[in-house]
Amino acid sequence: MKQFVLLLVFISFGMQSQTKLKTELPYYEIPDYPESFTAGSVAARMLDGLGFRYYWATEGLRIEDLAFRPNDMARTTAETIDHIYGLSQVIVNATLKKSNDNNNQSLEMSFEEKRKQTLQNIKTAADILRTSDDISQFKLIFGTREFPFWNNLNGPIEDAVWHCGQIVSFRRSSGNPYNSKASVFTGKVKN
């Protein structure tokens, strides 16, 4: 009887933790799409897709997954996550109209903190773009150099998508596959 009660407590705690995680972190699922196509809504949807992919690529990573690298020339999964975090800062900084002068704080953050901040950066940028009538105002700024929003699309945004795929591949190789119930086509989790 005592074991049964403990089992119920653990199951309840696990369900509460999963529910809490769904509400704390964005992109457990992709939000509903907007009714109209604008430059801002399309760019935001691209970021929503990135956020969903990143959420599920990084969900449930173990210490051995973070340390995995396919060979000595490749980054570890943890180093790839650091890189995506940096890309998310560049992406959000463009929408906040901020320069990308100091993006090295990731070394002081835990994996969970980096994951949460990366998802929040993507969500913040998507929310700003979703309501924008003119996304050309969101330039990439590096010191005194500015680049148009076009560079954000083919640069940091697509690079981050690319690296999410690497994380999925790496985690399969380290014996912890991606949750197959997370559908990148629908942006929903299948029951």
N, C-alpha and C. Protein backbone atom coordinates (compact mmCIF):
# COMPACT_ATOMS: atom_id res chain seq x y z
N MET A 1 0.83 -1.20 0.00
CA MET A 1 0.00 0.00 0.00
C MET A 1 0.87 1.26 0.00
N LYS A 2 1.92 1.24 0.82
CA LYS A 2 2.83 2.38 0.92
C LYS A 2 3.49 2.67 -0.44
N GLN A 3 3.87 1.59 -1.15
CA GLN A 3 4.48 1.75 -2.46
C GLN A 3 3.50 2.33 -3.46
N PHE A 4 2.25 1.92 -3.38
CA PHE A 4 1.22 2.43 -4.26
C PHE A 4 1.01 3.93 -4.06
N VAL A 5 0.97 4.37 -2.80
CA VAL A 5 0.82 5.79 -2.49
C VAL A 5 2.01 6.58 -3.02
N LEU A 6 3.22 6.05 -2.82
CA LEU A 6 4.42 6.72 -3.35
C LEU A 6 4.36 6.83 -4.86
N LEU A 7 3.92 5.77 -5.53
CA LEU A 7 3.79 5.78 -6.98
C LEU A 7 2.82 6.88 -7.42
N LEU A 8 1.69 6.99 -6.75
CA LEU A 8 0.72 8.05 -7.08
C LEU A 8 1.30 9.44 -6.86
N VAL A 9 2.07 9.61 -5.81
CA VAL A 9 2.72 10.91 -5.54
C VAL A 9 3.69 11.25 -6.66
N PHE A 10 4.53 10.28 -7.08
CA PHE A 10 5.48 10.52 -8.15
C PHE A 10 4.78 10.83 -9.47
N ILE A 11 3.73 10.10 -9.78
CA ILE A 11 2.98 10.36 -11.01
C ILE A 11 2.37 11.75 -10.97
N SER A 12 1.78 12.12 -9.85
CA SER A 12 1.17 13.44 -9.70
C SER A 12 2.21 14.53 -9.84
N PHE A 13 3.38 14.35 -9.20
CA PHE A 13 4.45 15.34 -9.29
C PHE A 13 4.94 15.49 -10.73
N GLY A 14 5.08 14.35 -11.40
CA GLY A 14 5.53 14.38 -12.79
C GLY A 14 4.55 15.11 -13.69
N MET A 15 3.26 14.89 -13.48
CA MET A 15 2.24 15.57 -14.28
C MET A 15 2.23 17.06 -13.99
N GLN A 16 2.39 17.43 -12.72
CA GLN A 16 2.44 18.85 -12.36
C GLN A 16 3.66 19.51 -12.98
N SER A 17 4.81 18.82 -12.95
CA SER A 17 6.03 19.37 -13.53
C SER A 17 5.87 19.58 -15.03
N GLN A 18 5.25 18.60 -15.72
CA GLN A 18 5.05 18.73 -17.16
C GLN A 18 4.08 19.86 -17.47
N THR A 19 3.01 19.98 -16.70
CA THR A 19 2.05 21.07 -16.90
C THR A 19 2.73 22.41 -16.65
N LYS A 20 3.51 22.49 -15.59
CA LYS A 20 4.22 23.73 -15.27
C LYS A 20 5.17 24.11 -16.41
N LEU A 21 5.90 23.12 -16.94
CA LEU A 21 6.83 23.36 -18.02
C LEU A 21 6.10 23.88 -19.25
N LYS A 22 4.93 23.30 -19.58
CA LYS A 22 4.16 23.74 -20.74
C LYS A 22 3.77 25.21 -20.61
N THR A 23 3.49 25.67 -19.39
CA THR A 23 3.05 27.05 -19.21
C THR A 23 4.22 28.01 -19.02
N GLU A 24 5.34 27.52 -18.53
CA GLU A 24 6.49 28.39 -18.30
C GLU A 24 7.27 28.68 -19.57
N LEU A 25 7.43 27.69 -20.42
CA LEU A 25 8.25 27.84 -21.62
C LEU A 25 7.37 27.96 -22.86
N PRO A 26 7.69 28.91 -23.72
CA PRO A 26 6.94 28.99 -24.98
C PRO A 26 7.33 27.87 -25.93
N TYR A 27 6.45 27.60 -26.84
CA TYR A 27 6.66 26.71 -27.98
C TYR A 27 6.54 25.22 -27.69
N TYR A 28 5.85 24.87 -26.62
CA TYR A 28 5.44 23.47 -26.49
C TYR A 28 4.63 23.11 -27.74
N GLU A 29 3.80 24.05 -28.17
CA GLU A 29 3.12 23.98 -29.45
C GLU A 29 3.20 25.36 -30.11
N ILE A 30 3.04 25.39 -31.41
CA ILE A 30 3.06 26.65 -32.14
C ILE A 30 1.70 27.32 -31.97
N PRO A 31 1.69 28.64 -31.73
CA PRO A 31 0.39 29.33 -31.63
C PRO A 31 -0.37 29.26 -32.95
N ASP A 32 -1.67 29.48 -32.88
CA ASP A 32 -2.48 29.48 -34.09
C ASP A 32 -1.95 30.53 -35.07
N TYR A 33 -2.09 30.23 -36.34
CA TYR A 33 -1.58 31.17 -37.34
C TYR A 33 -2.53 32.35 -37.50
N PRO A 34 -1.97 33.48 -37.95
CA PRO A 34 -2.80 34.67 -38.13
C PRO A 34 -3.74 34.51 -39.32
N GLU A 35 -4.72 35.37 -39.38
CA GLU A 35 -5.69 35.32 -40.47
C GLU A 35 -5.16 35.90 -41.76
N SER A 36 -4.18 36.79 -41.66
CA SER A 36 -3.67 37.44 -42.87
C SER A 36 -2.16 37.25 -43.01
N PHE A 37 -1.72 37.31 -44.25
CA PHE A 37 -0.31 37.23 -44.56
C PHE A 37 0.26 38.64 -44.67
N THR A 38 1.20 38.95 -43.82
CA THR A 38 1.96 40.18 -43.93
C THR A 38 3.43 39.79 -43.80
N ALA A 39 4.31 40.70 -44.12
CA ALA A 39 5.73 40.40 -43.94
C ALA A 39 6.01 40.05 -42.48
N GLY A 40 5.41 40.78 -41.56
CA GLY A 40 5.62 40.53 -40.14
C GLY A 40 5.06 39.20 -39.68
N SER A 41 3.85 38.86 -40.16
CA SER A 41 3.25 37.59 -39.72
C SER A 41 4.00 36.39 -40.28
N VAL A 42 4.52 36.50 -41.50
CA VAL A 42 5.29 35.41 -42.09
C VAL A 42 6.62 35.25 -41.37
N ALA A 43 7.32 36.35 -41.10
CA ALA A 43 8.59 36.28 -40.37
C ALA A 43 8.37 35.73 -38.97
N ALA A 44 7.27 36.15 -38.32
CA ALA A 44 6.96 35.64 -36.98
C ALA A 44 6.69 34.15 -37.02
N ARG A 45 5.99 33.68 -38.06
CA ARG A 45 5.70 32.25 -38.18
C ARG A 45 6.97 31.44 -38.38
N MET A 46 7.93 32.00 -39.10
CA MET A 46 9.22 31.34 -39.24
C MET A 46 9.88 31.16 -37.87
N LEU A 47 9.79 32.19 -37.05
CA LEU A 47 10.36 32.10 -35.70
C LEU A 47 9.56 31.14 -34.83
N ASP A 48 8.25 31.11 -34.99
CA ASP A 48 7.45 30.14 -34.25
C ASP A 48 7.89 28.71 -34.59
N GLY A 49 8.14 28.46 -35.87
CA GLY A 49 8.63 27.15 -36.30
C GLY A 49 9.98 26.82 -35.68
N LEU A 50 10.86 27.81 -35.65
CA LEU A 50 12.16 27.63 -35.00
C LEU A 50 11.98 27.34 -33.52
N GLY A 51 11.12 28.10 -32.86
CA GLY A 51 10.90 27.90 -31.43
C GLY A 51 10.38 26.50 -31.12
N PHE A 52 9.44 26.03 -31.92
CA PHE A 52 8.88 24.69 -31.73
C PHE A 52 9.96 23.62 -31.93
N ARG A 53 10.73 23.78 -33.00
CA ARG A 53 11.81 22.82 -33.26
C ARG A 53 12.83 22.83 -32.13
N TYR A 54 13.21 24.01 -31.66
CA TYR A 54 14.20 24.11 -30.59
C TYR A 54 13.66 23.51 -29.29
N TYR A 55 12.41 23.81 -28.98
CA TYR A 55 11.79 23.27 -27.76
C TYR A 55 11.93 21.75 -27.74
N TRP A 56 11.53 21.09 -28.83
CA TRP A 56 11.51 19.65 -28.86
C TRP A 56 12.88 19.05 -29.12
N ALA A 57 13.75 19.75 -29.82
CA ALA A 57 15.12 19.26 -30.00
C ALA A 57 15.85 19.19 -28.66
N THR A 58 15.54 20.13 -27.77
CA THR A 58 16.25 20.23 -26.49
C THR A 58 15.48 19.64 -25.31
N GLU A 59 14.23 19.26 -25.51
CA GLU A 59 13.41 18.71 -24.43
C GLU A 59 13.97 17.36 -23.99
N GLY A 60 14.24 17.22 -22.70
CA GLY A 60 14.67 15.94 -22.15
C GLY A 60 16.10 15.54 -22.42
N LEU A 61 16.95 16.52 -22.77
CA LEU A 61 18.36 16.19 -22.99
C LEU A 61 19.01 15.79 -21.67
N ARG A 62 19.83 14.77 -21.74
CA ARG A 62 20.56 14.27 -20.58
C ARG A 62 21.99 14.80 -20.62
N ILE A 63 22.71 14.62 -19.54
CA ILE A 63 24.11 15.06 -19.46
C ILE A 63 24.92 14.42 -20.58
N GLU A 64 24.71 13.12 -20.82
CA GLU A 64 25.46 12.45 -21.88
C GLU A 64 25.08 12.97 -23.27
N ASP A 65 23.85 13.43 -23.44
CA ASP A 65 23.45 14.04 -24.72
C ASP A 65 24.17 15.36 -24.92
N LEU A 66 24.24 16.16 -23.87
CA LEU A 66 24.90 17.47 -23.96
C LEU A 66 26.38 17.33 -24.27
N ALA A 67 27.01 16.26 -23.79
CA ALA A 67 28.44 16.04 -24.00
C ALA A 67 28.74 15.37 -25.34
N PHE A 68 27.70 14.87 -26.02
CA PHE A 68 27.92 14.10 -27.25
C PHE A 68 28.46 14.99 -28.37
N ARG A 69 29.41 14.43 -29.11
CA ARG A 69 29.88 15.01 -30.37
C ARG A 69 30.18 13.85 -31.31
N PRO A 70 29.80 13.95 -32.58
CA PRO A 70 29.98 12.82 -33.48
C PRO A 70 31.44 12.51 -33.79
N ASN A 71 32.31 13.52 -33.70
CA ASN A 71 33.74 13.31 -33.91
C ASN A 71 34.51 14.48 -33.28
N ASP A 72 35.80 14.40 -33.28
CA ASP A 72 36.63 15.42 -32.61
C ASP A 72 36.57 16.79 -33.28
N MET A 73 36.13 16.85 -34.52
CA MET A 73 36.07 18.12 -35.25
C MET A 73 34.75 18.85 -35.03
N ALA A 74 33.74 18.16 -34.48
CA ALA A 74 32.40 18.74 -34.33
C ALA A 74 32.20 19.35 -32.95
N ARG A 75 31.24 20.26 -32.88
CA ARG A 75 30.81 20.80 -31.58
C ARG A 75 30.07 19.72 -30.81
N THR A 76 30.07 19.85 -29.48
CA THR A 76 29.19 19.02 -28.67
C THR A 76 27.77 19.58 -28.79
N THR A 77 26.82 18.81 -28.33
CA THR A 77 25.44 19.31 -28.30
C THR A 77 25.37 20.57 -27.44
N ALA A 78 26.05 20.58 -26.30
CA ALA A 78 26.04 21.76 -25.41
C ALA A 78 26.63 22.98 -26.12
N GLU A 79 27.70 22.79 -26.88
CA GLU A 79 28.30 23.91 -27.63
C GLU A 79 27.36 24.39 -28.73
N THR A 80 26.62 23.47 -29.33
CA THR A 80 25.63 23.84 -30.35
C THR A 80 24.51 24.65 -29.72
N ILE A 81 24.10 24.26 -28.52
CA ILE A 81 23.07 25.01 -27.79
C ILE A 81 23.56 26.41 -27.45
N ASP A 82 24.83 26.54 -27.07
CA ASP A 82 25.42 27.86 -26.82
C ASP A 82 25.33 28.72 -28.09
N HIS A 83 25.65 28.11 -29.22
CA HIS A 83 25.62 28.84 -30.49
C HIS A 83 24.19 29.30 -30.83
N ILE A 84 23.22 28.42 -30.65
CA ILE A 84 21.83 28.80 -30.92
C ILE A 84 21.39 29.91 -29.97
N TYR A 85 21.80 29.83 -28.73
CA TYR A 85 21.49 30.91 -27.78
C TYR A 85 22.02 32.24 -28.30
N GLY A 86 23.27 32.25 -28.75
CA GLY A 86 23.85 33.48 -29.32
C GLY A 86 23.09 33.97 -30.54
N LEU A 87 22.67 33.04 -31.41
CA LEU A 87 21.87 33.42 -32.58
C LEU A 87 20.54 34.02 -32.15
N SER A 88 19.93 33.45 -31.11
CA SER A 88 18.64 33.98 -30.63
C SER A 88 18.80 35.39 -30.10
N GLN A 89 19.96 35.69 -29.53
CA GLN A 89 20.20 37.06 -29.06
C GLN A 89 20.30 38.02 -30.25
N VAL A 90 20.97 37.61 -31.30
CA VAL A 90 21.07 38.46 -32.50
C VAL A 90 19.68 38.68 -33.09
N ILE A 91 18.88 37.63 -33.15
CA ILE A 91 17.53 37.73 -33.70
C ILE A 91 16.67 38.70 -32.89
N VAL A 92 16.65 38.53 -31.58
CA VAL A 92 15.80 39.40 -30.75
C VAL A 92 16.36 40.82 -30.71
N ASN A 93 17.66 40.97 -30.71
CA ASN A 93 18.24 42.31 -30.70
C ASN A 93 17.82 43.12 -31.92
N ALA A 94 17.68 42.46 -33.07
CA ALA A 94 17.22 43.18 -34.26
C ALA A 94 15.82 43.73 -34.03
N THR A 95 14.94 42.94 -33.44
CA THR A 95 13.57 43.40 -33.22
C THR A 95 13.49 44.43 -32.10
N LEU A 96 14.46 44.43 -31.21
CA LEU A 96 14.51 45.43 -30.13
C LEU A 96 15.33 46.65 -30.54
N LYS A 97 15.89 46.59 -31.76
CA LYS A 97 16.72 47.67 -32.32
C LYS A 97 17.95 47.92 -31.46
N LYS A 98 18.55 46.84 -30.99
CA LYS A 98 19.74 46.90 -30.15
C LYS A 98 20.95 46.36 -30.89
N SER A 99 22.11 46.87 -30.52
CA SER A 99 23.36 46.40 -31.09
C SER A 99 23.75 45.05 -30.48
N ASN A 100 24.54 44.31 -31.21
CA ASN A 100 25.02 43.00 -30.76
C ASN A 100 26.47 43.09 -30.29
N ASP A 101 26.69 43.94 -29.31
CA ASP A 101 28.05 44.17 -28.85
C ASP A 101 28.52 43.15 -27.82
N ASN A 102 27.64 42.70 -26.93
CA ASN A 102 28.07 41.82 -25.85
C ASN A 102 27.09 40.66 -25.69
N ASN A 103 27.39 39.55 -26.36
CA ASN A 103 26.50 38.39 -26.30
C ASN A 103 27.20 37.18 -25.68
N ASN A 104 28.05 37.38 -24.70
CA ASN A 104 28.83 36.27 -24.16
C ASN A 104 28.41 35.82 -22.77
N GLN A 105 27.22 36.12 -22.34
CA GLN A 105 26.80 35.74 -21.00
C GLN A 105 26.39 34.28 -20.87
N SER A 106 26.31 33.54 -21.98
CA SER A 106 25.83 32.16 -21.92
C SER A 106 26.74 31.25 -21.12
N LEU A 107 28.02 31.58 -21.00
CA LEU A 107 28.94 30.72 -20.27
C LEU A 107 28.59 30.62 -18.80
N GLU A 108 27.90 31.61 -18.27
CA GLU A 108 27.55 31.63 -16.85
C GLU A 108 26.18 31.01 -16.57
N MET A 109 25.50 30.55 -17.60
CA MET A 109 24.14 30.03 -17.45
C MET A 109 24.15 28.50 -17.52
N SER A 110 23.21 27.90 -16.80
CA SER A 110 23.02 26.45 -16.90
C SER A 110 22.31 26.14 -18.22
N PHE A 111 22.30 24.86 -18.59
CA PHE A 111 21.58 24.44 -19.78
C PHE A 111 20.12 24.87 -19.72
N GLU A 112 19.47 24.64 -18.57
CA GLU A 112 18.05 24.97 -18.43
C GLU A 112 17.82 26.47 -18.60
N GLU A 113 18.73 27.29 -18.05
CA GLU A 113 18.60 28.75 -18.19
C GLU A 113 18.79 29.18 -19.63
N LYS A 114 19.77 28.59 -20.33
CA LYS A 114 20.00 28.93 -21.74
C LYS A 114 18.80 28.53 -22.59
N ARG A 115 18.28 27.34 -22.31
CA ARG A 115 17.12 26.85 -23.06
C ARG A 115 15.94 27.81 -22.89
N LYS A 116 15.65 28.15 -21.66
CA LYS A 116 14.52 29.05 -21.38
C LYS A 116 14.74 30.41 -22.03
N GLN A 117 15.94 30.97 -21.90
CA GLN A 117 16.20 32.30 -22.47
C GLN A 117 16.16 32.27 -23.99
N THR A 118 16.66 31.20 -24.58
CA THR A 118 16.61 31.07 -26.04
C THR A 118 15.16 31.08 -26.52
N LEU A 119 14.32 30.27 -25.87
CA LEU A 119 12.90 30.23 -26.24
C LEU A 119 12.22 31.58 -26.02
N GLN A 120 12.57 32.26 -24.94
CA GLN A 120 11.98 33.58 -24.68
C GLN A 120 12.46 34.60 -25.71
N ASN A 121 13.73 34.53 -26.11
CA ASN A 121 14.24 35.44 -27.15
C ASN A 121 13.48 35.25 -28.45
N ILE A 122 13.28 33.99 -28.83
CA ILE A 122 12.56 33.70 -30.08
C ILE A 122 11.13 34.20 -29.98
N LYS A 123 10.48 33.96 -28.86
CA LYS A 123 9.08 34.39 -28.67
C LYS A 123 8.95 35.91 -28.69
N THR A 124 9.86 36.59 -28.01
CA THR A 124 9.83 38.06 -28.00
C THR A 124 9.96 38.61 -29.42
N ALA A 125 10.93 38.09 -30.17
CA ALA A 125 11.13 38.55 -31.55
C ALA A 125 9.90 38.26 -32.40
N ALA A 126 9.33 37.07 -32.27
CA ALA A 126 8.14 36.70 -33.06
C ALA A 126 6.97 37.61 -32.72
N ASP A 127 6.77 37.90 -31.45
CA ASP A 127 5.65 38.75 -31.04
C ASP A 127 5.80 40.17 -31.60
N ILE A 128 7.01 40.67 -31.62
CA ILE A 128 7.24 42.02 -32.17
C ILE A 128 6.98 42.00 -33.67
N LEU A 129 7.50 41.01 -34.37
CA LEU A 129 7.32 40.93 -35.82
C LEU A 129 5.86 40.73 -36.20
N ARG A 130 5.15 39.93 -35.43
CA ARG A 130 3.75 39.59 -35.71
C ARG A 130 2.87 40.84 -35.81
N THR A 131 3.21 41.86 -35.05
CA THR A 131 2.38 43.08 -35.01
C THR A 131 2.98 44.22 -35.82
N SER A 132 4.04 43.94 -36.55
CA SER A 132 4.73 45.00 -37.29
C SER A 132 4.22 45.12 -38.73
N ASP A 133 4.04 46.36 -39.15
CA ASP A 133 3.68 46.62 -40.54
C ASP A 133 4.90 46.80 -41.43
N ASP A 134 6.06 47.07 -40.82
CA ASP A 134 7.28 47.34 -41.58
C ASP A 134 8.46 46.66 -40.90
N ILE A 135 8.81 45.47 -41.38
CA ILE A 135 9.92 44.76 -40.73
C ILE A 135 11.28 45.23 -41.22
N SER A 136 11.32 46.10 -42.22
CA SER A 136 12.61 46.62 -42.68
C SER A 136 13.30 47.47 -41.62
N GLN A 137 12.54 47.92 -40.62
CA GLN A 137 13.13 48.72 -39.54
C GLN A 137 13.99 47.88 -38.59
N PHE A 138 13.88 46.55 -38.65
CA PHE A 138 14.57 45.67 -37.71
C PHE A 138 15.90 45.19 -38.31
N LYS A 139 16.87 46.05 -38.21
CA LYS A 139 18.18 45.77 -38.79
C LYS A 139 19.06 45.00 -37.81
N LEU A 140 19.99 44.26 -38.36
CA LEU A 140 21.03 43.62 -37.55
C LEU A 140 22.13 44.66 -37.36
N ILE A 141 22.48 44.92 -36.11
CA ILE A 141 23.46 45.96 -35.80
C ILE A 141 24.66 45.32 -35.10
N PHE A 142 25.84 45.51 -35.70
CA PHE A 142 27.10 45.04 -35.12
C PHE A 142 28.04 46.24 -35.07
N GLY A 143 28.12 46.86 -33.89
CA GLY A 143 28.93 48.08 -33.76
C GLY A 143 28.37 49.17 -34.63
N THR A 144 29.16 49.62 -35.62
CA THR A 144 28.71 50.69 -36.52
C THR A 144 28.13 50.14 -37.83
N ARG A 145 28.15 48.83 -37.98
CA ARG A 145 27.63 48.21 -39.21
C ARG A 145 26.19 47.77 -39.02
N GLU A 146 25.38 48.04 -40.03
CA GLU A 146 23.98 47.62 -40.03
C GLU A 146 23.70 46.78 -41.28
N PHE A 147 22.86 45.76 -41.07
CA PHE A 147 22.47 44.88 -42.17
C PHE A 147 20.95 44.83 -42.20
N PRO A 148 20.35 44.72 -43.40
CA PRO A 148 18.89 44.69 -43.49
C PRO A 148 18.31 43.40 -42.91
N PHE A 149 17.02 43.42 -42.64
CA PHE A 149 16.33 42.26 -42.08
C PHE A 149 16.52 41.01 -42.93
N TRP A 150 16.72 41.19 -44.21
CA TRP A 150 16.96 40.05 -45.10
C TRP A 150 18.08 39.16 -44.55
N ASN A 151 19.12 39.79 -44.02
CA ASN A 151 20.25 39.03 -43.49
C ASN A 151 19.86 38.23 -42.24
N ASN A 152 18.85 38.70 -41.51
CA ASN A 152 18.37 37.96 -40.35
C ASN A 152 17.72 36.65 -40.81
N LEU A 153 16.99 36.72 -41.94
CA LEU A 153 16.32 35.52 -42.45
C LEU A 153 17.31 34.45 -42.87
N ASN A 154 18.23 34.80 -43.76
CA ASN A 154 19.16 33.80 -44.27
C ASN A 154 20.36 33.58 -43.36
N GLY A 155 20.53 34.45 -42.37
CA GLY A 155 21.64 34.32 -41.43
C GLY A 155 21.21 33.63 -40.15
N PRO A 156 21.04 34.38 -39.06
CA PRO A 156 20.79 33.76 -37.76
C PRO A 156 19.54 32.88 -37.68
N ILE A 157 18.45 33.26 -38.35
CA ILE A 157 17.22 32.45 -38.23
C ILE A 157 17.43 31.08 -38.87
N GLU A 158 17.87 31.06 -40.12
CA GLU A 158 18.06 29.77 -40.80
C GLU A 158 19.22 28.99 -40.21
N ASP A 159 20.24 29.66 -39.71
CA ASP A 159 21.35 28.98 -39.06
C ASP A 159 20.85 28.25 -37.81
N ALA A 160 19.98 28.90 -37.05
CA ALA A 160 19.43 28.28 -35.84
C ALA A 160 18.58 27.06 -36.19
N VAL A 161 17.80 27.13 -37.27
CA VAL A 161 17.01 25.97 -37.70
C VAL A 161 17.96 24.83 -38.06
N TRP A 162 19.00 25.15 -38.78
CA TRP A 162 20.00 24.16 -39.19
C TRP A 162 20.57 23.44 -37.97
N HIS A 163 20.93 24.22 -36.96
CA HIS A 163 21.54 23.64 -35.76
C HIS A 163 20.54 22.86 -34.90
N CYS A 164 19.26 23.21 -34.95
CA CYS A 164 18.25 22.38 -34.27
C CYS A 164 18.26 20.98 -34.86
N GLY A 165 18.39 20.89 -36.17
CA GLY A 165 18.49 19.59 -36.82
C GLY A 165 19.71 18.81 -36.36
N GLN A 166 20.81 19.52 -36.13
CA GLN A 166 22.01 18.85 -35.62
C GLN A 166 21.75 18.27 -34.23
N ILE A 167 21.09 19.04 -33.38
CA ILE A 167 20.80 18.55 -32.03
C ILE A 167 19.95 17.29 -32.10
N VAL A 168 18.94 17.29 -32.98
CA VAL A 168 18.09 16.11 -33.13
C VAL A 168 18.93 14.91 -33.59
N SER A 169 19.82 15.13 -34.54
CA SER A 169 20.69 14.05 -35.02
C SER A 169 21.63 13.57 -33.92
N PHE A 170 22.21 14.51 -33.19
CA PHE A 170 23.15 14.15 -32.12
C PHE A 170 22.44 13.36 -31.03
N ARG A 171 21.23 13.78 -30.66
CA ARG A 171 20.55 13.08 -29.57
C ARG A 171 20.13 11.68 -30.00
N ARG A 172 19.81 11.50 -31.27
CA ARG A 172 19.54 10.14 -31.76
C ARG A 172 20.80 9.28 -31.62
N SER A 173 21.93 9.88 -31.99
CA SER A 173 23.20 9.16 -31.93
C SER A 173 23.62 8.83 -30.51
N SER A 174 23.20 9.64 -29.55
CA SER A 174 23.55 9.38 -28.15
C SER A 174 22.48 8.55 -27.44
N GLY A 175 21.50 8.05 -28.20
CA GLY A 175 20.51 7.12 -27.66
C GLY A 175 19.30 7.75 -27.01
N ASN A 176 18.98 8.99 -27.36
CA ASN A 176 17.84 9.69 -26.76
C ASN A 176 17.07 10.41 -27.86
N PRO A 177 16.30 9.67 -28.68
CA PRO A 177 15.65 10.29 -29.84
C PRO A 177 14.62 11.36 -29.50
N TYR A 178 14.41 12.20 -30.46
CA TYR A 178 13.43 13.28 -30.46
C TYR A 178 12.04 12.70 -30.25
N ASN A 179 11.17 13.42 -29.57
CA ASN A 179 9.80 12.96 -29.34
C ASN A 179 9.04 12.94 -30.67
N SER A 180 8.73 11.77 -31.15
CA SER A 180 8.07 11.63 -32.45
C SER A 180 6.63 12.13 -32.44
N LYS A 181 6.09 12.43 -31.28
CA LYS A 181 4.72 12.97 -31.20
C LYS A 181 4.68 14.48 -31.48
N ALA A 182 5.84 15.13 -31.48
CA ALA A 182 5.91 16.56 -31.79
C ALA A 182 5.97 16.70 -33.31
N SER A 183 4.89 17.16 -33.91
CA SER A 183 4.80 17.26 -35.37
C SER A 183 5.22 18.65 -35.84
N VAL A 184 6.34 18.72 -36.57
CA VAL A 184 6.77 20.02 -37.09
C VAL A 184 5.84 20.50 -38.21
N PHE A 185 5.09 19.60 -38.82
CA PHE A 185 4.13 19.99 -39.86
C PHE A 185 2.96 20.76 -39.26
N THR A 186 2.38 20.24 -38.17
CA THR A 186 1.22 20.90 -37.57
C THR A 186 1.60 21.86 -36.44
N GLY A 187 2.80 21.68 -35.89
CA GLY A 187 3.20 22.51 -34.75
C GLY A 187 2.47 22.11 -33.47
N LYS A 188 1.96 20.90 -33.44
CA LYS A 188 1.22 20.39 -32.29
C LYS A 188 1.83 19.08 -31.83
N VAL A 189 1.46 18.67 -30.64
CA VAL A 189 1.91 17.39 -30.10
C VAL A 189 0.76 16.40 -30.23
N LYS A 190 1.02 15.31 -30.95
CA LYS A 190 -0.01 14.29 -31.16
C LYS A 190 -0.28 13.56 -29.86
N ASN A 191 -1.54 13.19 -29.64
CA ASN A 191 -1.90 12.42 -28.44
C ASN A 191 -1.58 10.96 -28.62
